[in-house]
Each structure stands twice: as C-alpha cells, then as structure tokens.
Amino acid sequence: MNGQNRSDIYPGLEVDIILKQDQRSAKRTRGIVKNLLTSSAYHSRGIKVRLEDGQVGRVIEIIEED
C-alpha cells in the first residue's frame, strides 16, 4: 500500500520512507511512525512523517501486518 493518503497512516505503523537526501537514489528507510507532518488528506509524493528515531521523510510504502 502506498503512503499518499493521510487516513492510512497513524502512529505506531511500520512504513518505508524516503529521506530528503535519498530522493535521487530512492534508498528506503524503514521505521515506526511517531507523528504525521503533512496536514492535507492526500499528497502525490507521499505523506511526510517523523519516525520514532527522529528521521523525517515521505511514506512510499506501508508495511502490511500479517
């Protein structure tokens, strides 16, 4: 699932994000959402979040839980 809809993302969710400095290489960073930084309901490049470890980036994939 992609991370373009704010309603799909919430604190505690495991996601893959792209950090600002990794946008050219498309290197993914996995982590747990601490809080959402994008206030709009939809963003074409992904909702911006802060992970529990403090890193900030846009959600590109929500990791499905079994």
PDB file of N, CA and C in Angstrom:
ATOM      1  N   MET A   1       0.848  -1.177   0.000  1.00  0.00           N
ATOM      2  CA  MET A   1       0.000   0.000   0.000  1.00  0.00           C
ATOM      3  C   MET A   1       0.895   1.242   0.000  1.00  0.00           C
ATOM      4  N   ASN A   2       0.535   2.212  -0.822  1.00  0.00           N
ATOM      5  CA  ASN A   2       1.356   3.419  -0.884  1.00  0.00           C
ATOM      6  C   ASN A   2       0.992   4.372   0.264  1.00  0.00           C
ATOM      7  N   GLY A   3       1.775   5.403   0.432  1.00  0.00           N
ATOM      8  CA  GLY A   3       1.592   6.322   1.555  1.00  0.00           C
ATOM      9  C   GLY A   3       1.074   7.679   1.156  1.00  0.00           C
ATOM     10  N   GLN A   4       0.163   7.732   0.175  1.00  0.00           N
ATOM     11  CA  GLN A   4      -0.331   9.019  -0.310  1.00  0.00           C
ATOM     12  C   GLN A   4      -1.557   9.519   0.443  1.00  0.00           C
ATOM     13  N   ASN A   5      -2.274   8.645   1.122  1.00  0.00           N
ATOM     14  CA  ASN A   5      -3.478   9.046   1.847  1.00  0.00           C
ATOM     15  C   ASN A   5      -3.203   9.117   3.342  1.00  0.00           C
ATOM     16  N   ARG A   6      -3.463  10.280   3.929  1.00  0.00           N
ATOM     17  CA  ARG A   6      -3.197  10.505   5.344  1.00  0.00           C
ATOM     18  C   ARG A   6      -4.007   9.547   6.230  1.00  0.00           C
ATOM     19  N   SER A   7      -5.215   9.189   5.784  1.00  0.00           N
ATOM     20  CA  SER A   7      -6.089   8.326   6.582  1.00  0.00           C
ATOM     21  C   SER A   7      -5.529   6.921   6.764  1.00  0.00           C
ATOM     22  N   ASP A   8      -4.578   6.504   5.915  1.00  0.00           N
ATOM     23  CA  ASP A   8      -3.987   5.168   6.002  1.00  0.00           C
ATOM     24  C   ASP A   8      -2.808   5.100   6.970  1.00  0.00           C
ATOM     25  N   ILE A   9      -2.348   6.262   7.461  1.00  0.00           N
ATOM     26  CA  ILE A   9      -1.113   6.319   8.248  1.00  0.00           C
ATOM     27  C   ILE A   9      -1.422   6.818   9.648  1.00  0.00           C
ATOM     28  N   TYR A  10      -0.810   6.172  10.639  1.00  0.00           N
ATOM     29  CA  TYR A  10      -1.055   6.537  12.041  1.00  0.00           C
ATOM     30  C   TYR A  10       0.180   6.170  12.870  1.00  0.00           C
ATOM     31  N   PRO A  11       0.339   6.804  14.038  1.00  0.00           N
ATOM     32  CA  PRO A  11       1.486   6.486  14.906  1.00  0.00           C
ATOM     33  C   PRO A  11       1.511   5.006  15.273  1.00  0.00           C
ATOM     34  N   GLY A  12       2.715   4.430  15.248  1.00  0.00           N
ATOM     35  CA  GLY A  12       2.886   3.019  15.560  1.00  0.00           C
ATOM     36  C   GLY A  12       2.924   2.116  14.346  1.00  0.00           C
ATOM     37  N   LEU A  13       2.626   2.679  13.170  1.00  0.00           N
ATOM     38  CA  LEU A  13       2.599   1.910  11.927  1.00  0.00           C
ATOM     39  C   LEU A  13       4.015   1.751  11.378  1.00  0.00           C
ATOM     40  N   GLU A  14       4.341   0.557  10.859  1.00  0.00           N
ATOM     41  CA  GLU A  14       5.645   0.333  10.237  1.00  0.00           C
ATOM     42  C   GLU A  14       5.572   0.732   8.767  1.00  0.00           C
ATOM     43  N   VAL A  15       6.509   1.583   8.338  1.00  0.00           N
ATOM     44  CA  VAL A  15       6.492   2.117   6.983  1.00  0.00           C
ATOM     45  C   VAL A  15       7.904   2.178   6.409  1.00  0.00           C
ATOM     46  N   ASP A  16       7.980   2.289   5.076  1.00  0.00           N
ATOM     47  CA  ASP A  16       9.214   2.637   4.383  1.00  0.00           C
ATOM     48  C   ASP A  16       9.082   4.090   3.948  1.00  0.00           C
ATOM     49  N   ILE A  17      10.123   4.882   4.207  1.00  0.00           N
ATOM     50  CA  ILE A  17      10.123   6.278   3.793  1.00  0.00           C
ATOM     51  C   ILE A  17      11.342   6.554   2.922  1.00  0.00           C
ATOM     52  N   ILE A  18      11.293   7.677   2.224  1.00  0.00           N
ATOM     53  CA  ILE A  18      12.473   8.190   1.525  1.00  0.00           C
ATOM     54  C   ILE A  18      12.853   9.495   2.209  1.00  0.00           C
ATOM     55  N   LEU A  19      14.077   9.543   2.701  1.00  0.00           N
ATOM     56  CA  LEU A  19      14.605  10.757   3.313  1.00  0.00           C
ATOM     57  C   LEU A  19      14.927  11.762   2.216  1.00  0.00           C
ATOM     58  N   LYS A  20      14.912  13.054   2.559  1.00  0.00           N
ATOM     59  CA  LYS A  20      15.182  14.113   1.583  1.00  0.00           C
ATOM     60  C   LYS A  20      16.497  13.865   0.831  1.00  0.00           C
ATOM     61  N   GLN A  21      17.551  13.512   1.546  1.00  0.00           N
ATOM     62  CA  GLN A  21      18.855  13.320   0.910  1.00  0.00           C
ATOM     63  C   GLN A  21      18.920  12.052   0.065  1.00  0.00           C
ATOM     64  N   ASP A  22      17.934  11.146   0.196  1.00  0.00           N
ATOM     65  CA  ASP A  22      17.928   9.889  -0.558  1.00  0.00           C
ATOM     66  C   ASP A  22      16.966   9.911  -1.747  1.00  0.00           C
ATOM     67  N   GLN A  23      16.373  11.071  -2.050  1.00  0.00           N
ATOM     68  CA  GLN A  23      15.373  11.117  -3.118  1.00  0.00           C
ATOM     69  C   GLN A  23      15.940  10.727  -4.479  1.00  0.00           C
ATOM     70  N   ARG A  24      17.176  11.101  -4.785  1.00  0.00           N
ATOM     71  CA  ARG A  24      17.773  10.759  -6.077  1.00  0.00           C
ATOM     72  C   ARG A  24      18.059   9.263  -6.184  1.00  0.00           C
ATOM     73  N   SER A  25      18.525   8.660  -5.113  1.00  0.00           N
ATOM     74  CA  SER A  25      18.889   7.243  -5.152  1.00  0.00           C
ATOM     75  C   SER A  25      17.707   6.321  -4.851  1.00  0.00           C
ATOM     76  N   ALA A  26      16.623   6.886  -4.334  1.00  0.00           N
ATOM     77  CA  ALA A  26      15.420   6.116  -3.959  1.00  0.00           C
ATOM     78  C   ALA A  26      15.709   5.092  -2.860  1.00  0.00           C
ATOM     79  N   LYS A  27      16.729   5.366  -2.027  1.00  0.00           N
ATOM     80  CA  LYS A  27      17.050   4.479  -0.906  1.00  0.00           C
ATOM     81  C   LYS A  27      15.952   4.577   0.149  1.00  0.00           C
ATOM     82  N   ARG A  28      15.447   3.425   0.553  1.00  0.00           N
ATOM     83  CA  ARG A  28      14.361   3.377   1.531  1.00  0.00           C
ATOM     84  C   ARG A  28      14.896   3.266   2.956  1.00  0.00           C
ATOM     85  N   THR A  29      14.146   3.825   3.870  1.00  0.00           N
ATOM     86  CA  THR A  29      14.444   3.706   5.294  1.00  0.00           C
ATOM     87  C   THR A  29      13.191   3.174   5.968  1.00  0.00           C
ATOM     88  N   ARG A  30      13.321   2.106   6.743  1.00  0.00           N
ATOM     89  CA  ARG A  30      12.163   1.504   7.415  1.00  0.00           C
ATOM     90  C   ARG A  30      12.124   1.959   8.864  1.00  0.00           C
ATOM     91  N   GLY A  31      10.917   2.204   9.350  1.00  0.00           N
ATOM     92  CA  GLY A  31      10.773   2.596  10.740  1.00  0.00           C
ATOM     93  C   GLY A  31       9.322   2.647  11.167  1.00  0.00           C
ATOM     94  N   ILE A  32       9.128   3.057  12.410  1.00  0.00           N
ATOM     95  CA  ILE A  32       7.795   3.159  13.011  1.00  0.00           C
ATOM     96  C   ILE A  32       7.410   4.639  13.080  1.00  0.00           C
ATOM     97  N   VAL A  33       6.187   4.958  12.623  1.00  0.00           N
ATOM     98  CA  VAL A  33       5.711   6.344  12.605  1.00  0.00           C
ATOM     99  C   VAL A  33       5.537   6.863  14.033  1.00  0.00           C
ATOM    100  N   LYS A  34       6.127   8.030  14.301  1.00  0.00           N
ATOM    101  CA  LYS A  34       5.922   8.719  15.584  1.00  0.00           C
ATOM    102  C   LYS A  34       4.798   9.737  15.435  1.00  0.00           C
ATOM    103  N   ASN A  35       4.892  10.596  14.396  1.00  0.00           N
ATOM    104  CA  ASN A  35       3.801  11.530  14.122  1.00  0.00           C
ATOM    105  C   ASN A  35       3.781  11.932  12.657  1.00  0.00           C
ATOM    106  N   LEU A  36       2.637  12.450  12.227  1.00  0.00           N
ATOM    107  CA  LEU A  36       2.426  12.868  10.845  1.00  0.00           C
ATOM    108  C   LEU A  36       2.702  14.355  10.730  1.00  0.00           C
ATOM    109  N   LEU A  37       3.422  14.751   9.687  1.00  0.00           N
ATOM    110  CA  LEU A  37       3.780  16.148   9.499  1.00  0.00           C
ATOM    111  C   LEU A  37       2.993  16.809   8.367  1.00  0.00           C
ATOM    112  N   THR A  38       2.405  16.031   7.479  1.00  0.00           N
ATOM    113  CA  THR A  38       1.568  16.575   6.410  1.00  0.00           C
ATOM    114  C   THR A  38       0.145  16.713   6.926  1.00  0.00           C
ATOM    115  N   SER A  39      -0.431  17.912   6.771  1.00  0.00           N
ATOM    116  CA  SER A  39      -1.788  18.128   7.294  1.00  0.00           C
ATOM    117  C   SER A  39      -2.877  17.838   6.263  1.00  0.00           C
ATOM    118  N   SER A  40      -2.525  17.845   4.969  1.00  0.00           N
ATOM    119  CA  SER A  40      -3.538  17.580   3.946  1.00  0.00           C
ATOM    120  C   SER A  40      -3.893  16.094   3.909  1.00  0.00           C
ATOM    121  N   ALA A  41      -5.073  15.787   3.382  1.00  0.00           N
ATOM    122  CA  ALA A  41      -5.563  14.405   3.355  1.00  0.00           C
ATOM    123  C   ALA A  41      -4.838  13.544   2.335  1.00  0.00           C
ATOM    124  N   TYR A  42      -4.230  14.183   1.306  1.00  0.00           N
ATOM    125  CA  TYR A  42      -3.564  13.447   0.225  1.00  0.00           C
ATOM    126  C   TYR A  42      -2.325  14.218  -0.207  1.00  0.00           C
ATOM    127  N   HIS A  43      -1.264  13.495  -0.526  1.00  0.00           N
ATOM    128  CA  HIS A  43      -0.076  14.121  -1.113  1.00  0.00           C
ATOM    129  C   HIS A  43       0.484  13.186  -2.165  1.00  0.00           C
ATOM    130  N   SER A  44       0.700  13.692  -3.378  1.00  0.00           N
ATOM    131  CA  SER A  44       1.096  12.857  -4.513  1.00  0.00           C
ATOM    132  C   SER A  44       2.453  12.176  -4.315  1.00  0.00           C
ATOM    133  N   ARG A  45       3.367  12.795  -3.550  1.00  0.00           N
ATOM    134  CA  ARG A  45       4.690  12.195  -3.328  1.00  0.00           C
ATOM    135  C   ARG A  45       4.773  11.436  -2.010  1.00  0.00           C
ATOM    136  N   GLY A  46       3.674  11.380  -1.278  1.00  0.00           N
ATOM    137  CA  GLY A  46       3.655  10.648  -0.013  1.00  0.00           C
ATOM    138  C   GLY A  46       3.505  11.573   1.184  1.00  0.00           C
ATOM    139  N   ILE A  47       2.848  11.084   2.198  1.00  0.00           N
ATOM    140  CA  ILE A  47       2.644  11.841   3.434  1.00  0.00           C
ATOM    141  C   ILE A  47       3.972  11.927   4.181  1.00  0.00           C
ATOM    142  N   LYS A  48       4.315  13.125   4.653  1.00  0.00           N
ATOM    143  CA  LYS A  48       5.566  13.311   5.393  1.00  0.00           C
ATOM    144  C   LYS A  48       5.341  12.924   6.846  1.00  0.00           C
ATOM    145  N   VAL A  49       6.257  12.115   7.381  1.00  0.00           N
ATOM    146  CA  VAL A  49       6.152  11.634   8.760  1.00  0.00           C
ATOM    147  C   VAL A  49       7.498  11.756   9.475  1.00  0.00           C
ATOM    148  N   ARG A  50       7.447  11.727  10.798  1.00  0.00           N
ATOM    149  CA  ARG A  50       8.646  11.602  11.632  1.00  0.00           C
ATOM    150  C   ARG A  50       8.621  10.208  12.235  1.00  0.00           C
ATOM    151  N   LEU A  51       9.730   9.487  12.100  1.00  0.00           N
ATOM    152  CA  LEU A  51       9.840   8.160  12.678  1.00  0.00           C
ATOM    153  C   LEU A  51      10.216   8.263  14.151  1.00  0.00           C
ATOM    154  N   GLU A  52      10.077   7.164  14.881  1.00  0.00           N
ATOM    155  CA  GLU A  52      10.405   7.150  16.307  1.00  0.00           C
ATOM    156  C   GLU A  52      11.862   7.488  16.568  1.00  0.00           C
ATOM    157  N   ASP A  53      12.752   7.221  15.587  1.00  0.00           N
ATOM    158  CA  ASP A  53      14.168   7.545  15.774  1.00  0.00           C
ATOM    159  C   ASP A  53      14.499   8.988  15.366  1.00  0.00           C
ATOM    160  N   GLY A  54      13.480   9.769  14.967  1.00  0.00           N
ATOM    161  CA  GLY A  54      13.663  11.181  14.662  1.00  0.00           C
ATOM    162  C   GLY A  54      13.847  11.514  13.190  1.00  0.00           C
ATOM    163  N   GLN A  55      14.014  10.519  12.329  1.00  0.00           N
ATOM    164  CA  GLN A  55      14.196  10.777  10.900  1.00  0.00           C
ATOM    165  C   GLN A  55      12.869  11.223  10.275  1.00  0.00           C
ATOM    166  N   VAL A  56      12.968  12.128   9.295  1.00  0.00           N
ATOM    167  CA  VAL A  56      11.786  12.676   8.630  1.00  0.00           C
ATOM    168  C   VAL A  56      11.860  12.360   7.145  1.00  0.00           C
ATOM    169  N   GLY A  57      10.743  11.881   6.594  1.00  0.00           N
ATOM    170  CA  GLY A  57      10.690  11.591   5.170  1.00  0.00           C
ATOM    171  C   GLY A  57       9.263  11.335   4.718  1.00  0.00           C
ATOM    172  N   ARG A  58       9.118  11.064   3.431  1.00  0.00           N
ATOM    173  CA  ARG A  58       7.800  10.791   2.867  1.00  0.00           C
ATOM    174  C   ARG A  58       7.553   9.287   2.756  1.00  0.00           C
ATOM    175  N   VAL A  59       6.358   8.875   3.153  1.00  0.00           N
ATOM    176  CA  VAL A  59       5.991   7.454   3.127  1.00  0.00           C
ATOM    177  C   VAL A  59       5.838   7.011   1.680  1.00  0.00           C
ATOM    178  N   ILE A  60       6.564   5.962   1.312  1.00  0.00           N
ATOM    179  CA  ILE A  60       6.408   5.391  -0.029  1.00  0.00           C
ATOM    180  C   ILE A  60       5.723   4.038   0.018  1.00  0.00           C
ATOM    181  N   GLU A  61       5.759   3.385   1.179  1.00  0.00           N
ATOM    182  CA  GLU A  61       5.084   2.084   1.296  1.00  0.00           C
ATOM    183  C   GLU A  61       4.727   1.821   2.743  1.00  0.00           C
ATOM    184  N   ILE A  62       3.526   1.318   2.933  1.00  0.00           N
ATOM    185  CA  ILE A  62       3.084   0.876   4.258  1.00  0.00           C
ATOM    186  C   ILE A  62       3.353  -0.619   4.321  1.00  0.00           C
ATOM    187  N   ILE A  63       4.033  -1.054   5.373  1.00  0.00           N
ATOM    188  CA  ILE A  63       4.370  -2.464   5.526  1.00  0.00           C
ATOM    189  C   ILE A  63       3.141  -3.191   6.073  1.00  0.00           C
ATOM    190  N   GLU A  64       2.652  -4.139   5.310  1.00  0.00           N
ATOM    191  CA  GLU A  64       1.448  -4.882   5.698  1.00  0.00           C
ATOM    192  C   GLU A  64       1.739  -5.781   6.901  1.00  0.00           C
ATOM    193  N   GLU A  65       0.831  -5.738   7.840  1.00  0.00           N
ATOM    194  CA  GLU A  65       0.952  -6.608   9.010  1.00  0.00           C
ATOM    195  C   GLU A  65       0.210  -7.908   8.742  1.00  0.00           C
ATOM    196  N   ASP A  66       0.774  -9.021   9.191  1.00  0.00           N
ATOM    197  CA  ASP A  66       0.132 -10.328   8.981  1.00  0.00           C
ATOM    198  C   ASP A  66      -0.979 -10.570   9.961  1.00  0.00           C
TER     199      ASP A  66
END
